[in-house]
Amino acid sequence: MTIDRAGLAEFLRRRRESLQPEDVGLPRGPRRRTDGLRREEAAALCHMSSDYYSRLERERGPKPSGQMIASIAQGLHLSLDERDHLFRLAGHQPPPRGGESDYISPGLLRVLDRLGDTPAEIVTELGETLRQNALGVALTGETTSYTGPARSIAYRWFTDPASRQLYAAEQQPFMSRLFASSARQAVTMRGPGSRAARLADRLLGESEEFRTLWERHEVGLRPPDGKTFMHPEIGRLELYCQTLVDPGQAHRLHVYTATPGTESHQKLQLLSVIGAQSMR
């Protein structure tokens, strides 16, 4: 497909100008005179240099890759229809939608952007972390940087014993059953050849524990509302996990809270300080 440079540039400008800082979790600041986002703000959201982004808006530079266009679509909080339009303007076929897509809907991103005082993360049905807020990173560590099958917490759970250290020992047996059950349901839903099927095949070949649990054919297990974390710096945390599901993309927003007045609530406040210091 041929790139439509003029159409691409105009679409990017219009979308950038229609976004306000608070729409994407940025402070407005007292001296803002620009309508919408600045180019450098849009570039930062899209994980690229300001110069590269500016050249796209000025109809210059090389044809952007599909990976770059995906990053722009996510950074500008485009809807799925807008994302597909952007891909076609850039001369690419849009990626598939549905359960195997990593594209986060703008609505789910807007909710996450407003959760600054509690740990939160967006994950796929296979437990692959797509986005975390700062407190989410402080709680569970940076989990968006994994590649290959290790992106899935289920794969790490059965192949890397160190991945279990964050969770209380008394909850680990049920979590193993839960991961195996969720994997079986995902394989049944997505079918042979799916990402879920490839992950299950990999685990069947690498983990005896997973094979044993897989053969039980347990389905329908649900994660408990309460989770106990063993944080390396602040110790035991008793948290509740509320989940918001995006049915169109099969993504889940997990939000972790503590009961006010409890020791875990105090520790969660301490975690926010530790997280801020780490960011600095």
Protein backbone atom coordinates (compact mmCIF):
# COMPACT_ATOMS: atom_id res chain seq x y z
CA MET A 1 0.00 0.00 0.00
CA THR A 2 1.13 3.55 -0.73
CA ILE A 3 1.53 6.11 2.04
CA ASP A 4 -0.76 9.15 1.91
CA ARG A 5 1.62 11.71 3.39
CA ALA A 6 -0.77 14.65 3.25
CA GLY A 7 -3.64 12.67 4.73
CA LEU A 8 -1.38 11.19 7.42
CA ALA A 9 -0.01 14.61 8.41
CA GLU A 10 -3.44 16.21 8.59
CA PHE A 11 -4.94 13.32 10.58
CA LEU A 12 -2.09 13.43 13.12
CA ARG A 13 -2.43 17.19 13.55
CA ARG A 14 -6.19 17.01 14.05
CA ARG A 15 -5.96 14.18 16.56
CA ARG A 16 -3.15 15.85 18.52
CA GLU A 17 -5.00 19.18 18.66
CA SER A 18 -8.20 17.49 19.84
CA LEU A 19 -6.49 15.97 22.90
CA GLN A 20 -6.16 17.91 26.13
CA PRO A 21 -3.36 17.16 28.63
CA GLU A 22 -5.81 15.82 31.20
CA ASP A 23 -7.15 13.39 28.57
CA VAL A 24 -3.82 11.56 28.59
CA GLY A 25 -2.78 11.97 32.23
CA LEU A 26 -0.57 15.05 31.76
CA PRO A 27 -0.65 18.22 33.90
CA ARG A 28 -2.03 21.28 32.13
CA GLY A 29 0.30 23.80 33.71
CA PRO A 30 -0.43 27.53 34.24
CA ARG A 31 1.16 28.90 31.05
CA ARG A 32 -0.36 26.65 28.39
CA ARG A 33 -1.42 28.57 25.30
CA THR A 34 -1.56 25.69 22.83
CA ASP A 35 -4.91 24.17 21.89
CA GLY A 36 -4.53 20.46 22.48
CA LEU A 37 -1.20 18.71 22.99
CA ARG A 38 2.16 20.10 22.02
CA ARG A 39 4.15 18.13 19.45
CA GLU A 40 6.77 17.20 22.03
CA GLU A 41 4.05 15.90 24.37
CA ALA A 42 2.53 13.79 21.61
CA ALA A 43 5.96 12.47 20.68
CA ALA A 44 6.67 11.45 24.28
CA LEU A 45 3.32 9.64 24.52
CA CYS A 46 4.16 7.82 21.27
CA HIS A 47 7.68 6.89 22.49
CA MET A 48 9.55 8.66 19.70
CA SER A 49 11.66 11.78 19.23
CA SER A 50 9.99 15.15 18.74
CA ASP A 51 11.91 15.57 15.50
CA TYR A 52 10.58 12.32 14.03
CA TYR A 53 7.00 13.11 15.02
CA SER A 54 7.25 16.65 13.67
CA ARG A 55 8.48 15.37 10.31
CA LEU A 56 5.40 13.15 9.99
CA GLU A 57 3.13 16.15 10.60
CA ARG A 58 5.09 18.08 7.96
CA GLU A 59 4.81 15.34 5.32
CA ARG A 60 8.51 14.53 5.50
CA GLY A 61 10.76 11.65 6.47
CA PRO A 62 10.75 7.92 5.58
CA LYS A 63 7.64 5.77 5.56
CA PRO A 64 6.94 4.81 9.21
CA SER A 65 6.96 1.14 10.10
CA GLY A 66 3.87 -0.70 11.29
CA GLN A 67 5.36 -0.85 14.78
CA MET A 68 5.81 2.93 14.78
CA ILE A 69 2.25 3.51 13.61
CA ALA A 70 0.94 1.21 16.36
CA SER A 71 2.87 3.25 18.92
CA ILE A 72 1.42 6.50 17.55
CA ALA A 73 -2.12 5.10 17.60
CA GLN A 74 -1.76 4.04 21.24
CA GLY A 75 -0.05 7.25 22.27
CA LEU A 76 -2.79 9.42 20.75
CA HIS A 77 -5.53 7.27 22.32
CA LEU A 78 -7.13 6.44 18.98
CA SER A 79 -10.24 4.31 18.75
CA LEU A 80 -9.96 1.04 16.82
CA ASP A 81 -11.55 2.62 13.75
CA GLU A 82 -9.15 5.57 13.98
CA ARG A 83 -6.22 3.21 14.45
CA ASP A 84 -7.14 1.25 11.33
CA HIS A 85 -7.54 4.50 9.38
CA LEU A 86 -4.08 5.63 10.53
CA PHE A 87 -2.50 2.36 9.39
CA ARG A 88 -4.04 2.71 5.93
CA LEU A 89 -2.91 6.34 5.62
CA ALA A 90 0.62 5.17 6.45
CA GLY A 91 0.48 2.47 3.77
CA HIS A 92 -0.02 -0.57 6.04
CA GLN A 93 -2.74 -3.15 6.56
CA PRO A 94 -4.33 -2.72 10.02
CA PRO A 95 -3.53 -5.42 12.58
CA PRO A 96 -6.29 -7.81 13.69
CA ARG A 97 -8.76 -6.92 16.39
CA GLY A 98 -10.08 -9.05 19.22
CA GLY A 99 -8.66 -11.31 21.89
CA GLU A 100 -5.12 -11.53 20.51
CA SER A 101 -4.70 -7.79 19.99
CA ASP A 102 -2.43 -5.79 22.30
CA TYR A 103 -4.12 -2.51 21.40
CA ILE A 104 -5.64 -0.85 24.48
CA SER A 105 -8.95 0.92 24.04
CA PRO A 106 -8.93 4.68 24.74
CA GLY A 107 -11.58 4.28 27.44
CA LEU A 108 -9.48 1.82 29.42
CA LEU A 109 -6.43 4.08 29.05
CA ARG A 110 -8.40 7.07 30.33
CA VAL A 111 -9.39 5.15 33.45
CA LEU A 112 -5.78 4.07 34.07
CA ASP A 113 -4.52 7.64 33.55
CA ARG A 114 -6.75 8.79 36.42
CA LEU A 115 -5.53 6.18 38.90
CA GLY A 116 -2.57 7.97 40.37
CA ASP A 117 -2.96 6.95 44.02
CA THR A 118 -3.38 3.17 43.75
CA PRO A 119 -1.52 0.38 41.90
CA ALA A 120 -3.13 -0.49 38.57
CA GLU A 121 -2.26 -2.43 35.43
CA ILE A 122 -3.81 -3.47 32.12
CA VAL A 123 -3.25 -7.10 31.12
CA THR A 124 -4.34 -9.47 28.36
CA GLU A 125 -6.30 -12.68 28.90
CA LEU A 126 -2.94 -14.49 28.98
CA GLY A 127 -1.60 -12.29 31.78
CA GLU A 128 0.64 -10.19 29.53
CA THR A 129 1.08 -6.72 31.05
CA LEU A 130 0.36 -3.98 28.51
CA ARG A 131 0.50 -0.92 30.76
CA GLN A 132 1.21 -0.09 34.41
CA ASN A 133 0.95 3.11 36.38
CA ALA A 134 3.84 4.20 38.61
CA LEU A 135 2.40 2.54 41.72
CA GLY A 136 1.78 -0.65 39.76
CA VAL A 137 5.47 -0.77 38.93
CA ALA A 138 6.33 -0.09 42.57
CA LEU A 139 4.12 -3.02 43.65
CA THR A 140 4.98 -5.76 41.16
CA GLY A 141 8.05 -4.42 39.35
CA GLU A 142 8.29 -3.48 35.68
CA THR A 143 6.44 -6.27 33.88
CA THR A 144 5.85 -4.66 30.48
CA SER A 145 9.41 -5.23 29.24
CA TYR A 146 9.27 -9.03 28.91
CA THR A 147 9.38 -10.52 25.42
CA GLY A 148 8.27 -13.81 23.88
CA PRO A 149 6.34 -16.29 26.06
CA ALA A 150 7.80 -14.67 29.20
CA ARG A 151 5.38 -11.78 28.64
CA SER A 152 2.75 -14.02 30.25
CA ILE A 153 2.80 -14.28 34.03
CA ALA A 154 1.56 -17.86 33.62
CA TYR A 155 4.67 -18.79 31.67
CA ARG A 156 6.96 -17.10 34.20
CA TRP A 157 5.05 -18.74 37.06
CA PHE A 158 5.72 -22.27 35.82
CA THR A 159 9.24 -21.77 34.42
CA ASP A 160 10.89 -19.26 36.78
CA PRO A 161 10.59 -19.98 40.52
CA ALA A 162 11.70 -16.42 41.34
CA SER A 163 8.46 -15.08 39.88
CA ARG A 164 6.54 -16.56 42.83
CA GLN A 165 8.45 -14.70 45.52
CA LEU A 166 6.09 -11.72 45.32
CA TYR A 167 3.09 -13.85 46.37
CA ALA A 168 2.28 -15.40 49.75
CA ALA A 169 3.17 -19.09 49.96
CA GLU A 170 -0.31 -20.12 51.12
CA GLN A 171 -1.86 -18.69 47.92
CA GLN A 172 0.58 -20.19 45.45
CA PRO A 173 -1.05 -23.65 44.98
CA PHE A 174 -4.38 -22.09 44.02
CA MET A 175 -2.66 -19.60 41.71
CA SER A 176 -1.02 -22.50 39.87
CA ARG A 177 -4.44 -24.09 39.37
CA LEU A 178 -5.89 -20.75 38.32
CA PHE A 179 -3.23 -20.15 35.66
CA ALA A 180 -3.69 -23.65 34.22
CA SER A 181 -7.48 -23.26 34.22
CA SER A 182 -7.31 -19.85 32.54
CA ALA A 183 -4.93 -21.19 29.90
CA ARG A 184 -7.24 -24.08 29.06
CA GLN A 185 -10.23 -21.78 28.71
CA ALA A 186 -8.27 -19.37 26.50
CA VAL A 187 -7.14 -22.23 24.23
CA THR A 188 -10.71 -23.50 23.88
CA MET A 189 -11.96 -19.99 23.08
CA ARG A 190 -9.21 -19.00 20.62
CA GLY A 191 -8.60 -22.39 19.03
CA PRO A 192 -5.56 -24.26 17.62
CA GLY A 193 -2.77 -22.08 16.31
CA SER A 194 -3.73 -19.17 18.58
CA ARG A 195 -1.32 -17.39 20.88
CA ALA A 196 -3.00 -19.12 23.80
CA ALA A 197 -2.48 -22.54 22.17
CA ARG A 198 1.19 -21.81 21.49
CA LEU A 199 1.70 -20.73 25.10
CA ALA A 200 0.02 -23.90 26.43
CA ASP A 201 2.10 -26.11 24.13
CA ARG A 202 5.24 -24.42 25.35
CA LEU A 203 4.31 -24.93 28.99
CA LEU A 204 3.32 -28.55 28.40
CA GLY A 205 6.81 -29.15 27.11
CA GLU A 206 8.63 -27.26 29.86
CA SER A 207 6.69 -27.70 33.12
CA GLU A 208 5.70 -30.96 34.79
CA GLU A 209 3.54 -29.04 37.25
CA PHE A 210 1.63 -27.41 34.41
CA ARG A 211 1.15 -30.78 32.67
CA THR A 212 -0.31 -32.27 35.86
CA LEU A 213 -2.73 -29.39 36.35
CA TRP A 214 -3.61 -29.28 32.64
CA GLU A 215 -4.71 -32.92 32.77
CA ARG A 216 -7.25 -32.10 35.50
CA HIS A 217 -9.34 -30.13 32.96
CA GLU A 218 -10.32 -27.60 35.62
CA VAL A 219 -12.22 -24.63 34.19
CA GLY A 220 -14.20 -21.80 35.71
CA LEU A 221 -11.77 -20.94 38.50
CA ARG A 222 -11.90 -17.29 39.50
CA PRO A 223 -9.17 -15.25 41.20
CA PRO A 224 -9.94 -14.35 44.81
CA ASP A 225 -10.84 -10.74 45.62
CA GLY A 226 -8.03 -10.63 48.15
CA LYS A 227 -4.36 -11.02 47.22
CA THR A 228 -1.40 -11.18 49.56
CA PHE A 229 1.85 -9.73 48.26
CA MET A 230 5.26 -10.17 49.87
CA HIS A 231 6.94 -6.94 48.83
CA PRO A 232 10.76 -6.96 49.07
CA GLU A 233 10.88 -3.52 50.74
CA ILE A 234 7.69 -3.12 52.81
CA GLY A 235 6.75 -6.72 53.53
CA ARG A 236 3.31 -8.33 53.59
CA LEU A 237 0.45 -6.49 51.85
CA GLU A 238 -3.18 -7.60 52.03
CA LEU A 239 -4.84 -6.04 48.98
CA TYR A 240 -8.13 -6.32 47.13
CA CYS A 241 -8.12 -6.59 43.35
CA GLN A 242 -11.00 -5.02 41.43
CA THR A 243 -11.15 -5.84 37.72
CA LEU A 244 -12.66 -3.91 34.83
CA VAL A 245 -12.99 -5.96 31.63
CA ASP A 246 -12.94 -4.60 28.08
CA PRO A 247 -14.94 -7.27 26.24
CA GLY A 248 -14.01 -5.99 22.78
CA GLN A 249 -10.29 -6.51 23.31
CA ALA A 250 -10.42 -9.10 26.14
CA HIS A 251 -8.21 -6.84 28.27
CA ARG A 252 -8.48 -6.42 32.01
CA LEU A 253 -7.72 -3.41 34.19
CA HIS A 254 -6.62 -4.59 37.65
CA VAL A 255 -6.81 -2.05 40.48
CA TYR A 256 -5.31 -2.91 43.88
CA THR A 257 -6.65 -1.29 47.04
CA ALA A 258 -6.31 -1.75 50.81
CA THR A 259 -8.90 -1.32 53.55
CA PRO A 260 -8.49 2.15 55.13
CA GLY A 261 -7.03 2.10 58.62
CA THR A 262 -5.24 -1.21 58.18
CA GLU A 263 -1.51 -1.80 58.23
CA SER A 264 -1.66 -2.68 54.52
CA HIS A 265 -3.27 0.69 53.79
CA GLN A 266 -0.40 2.45 55.58
CA LYS A 267 2.11 0.34 53.68
CA LEU A 268 0.41 1.21 50.40
CA GLN A 269 0.85 4.89 51.21
CA LEU A 270 4.50 4.19 51.97
CA LEU A 271 4.79 2.38 48.64
CA SER A 272 3.65 5.53 46.84
CA VAL A 273 6.59 7.40 48.43
CA ILE A 274 9.02 4.64 47.50
CA GLY A 275 7.65 4.58 43.95
CA ALA A 276 8.01 8.35 43.58
CA GLN A 277 11.60 8.21 44.83
CA SER A 278 12.38 5.42 42.36
CA MET A 279 10.92 7.48 39.49
CA ARG A 280 13.11 10.42 40.44
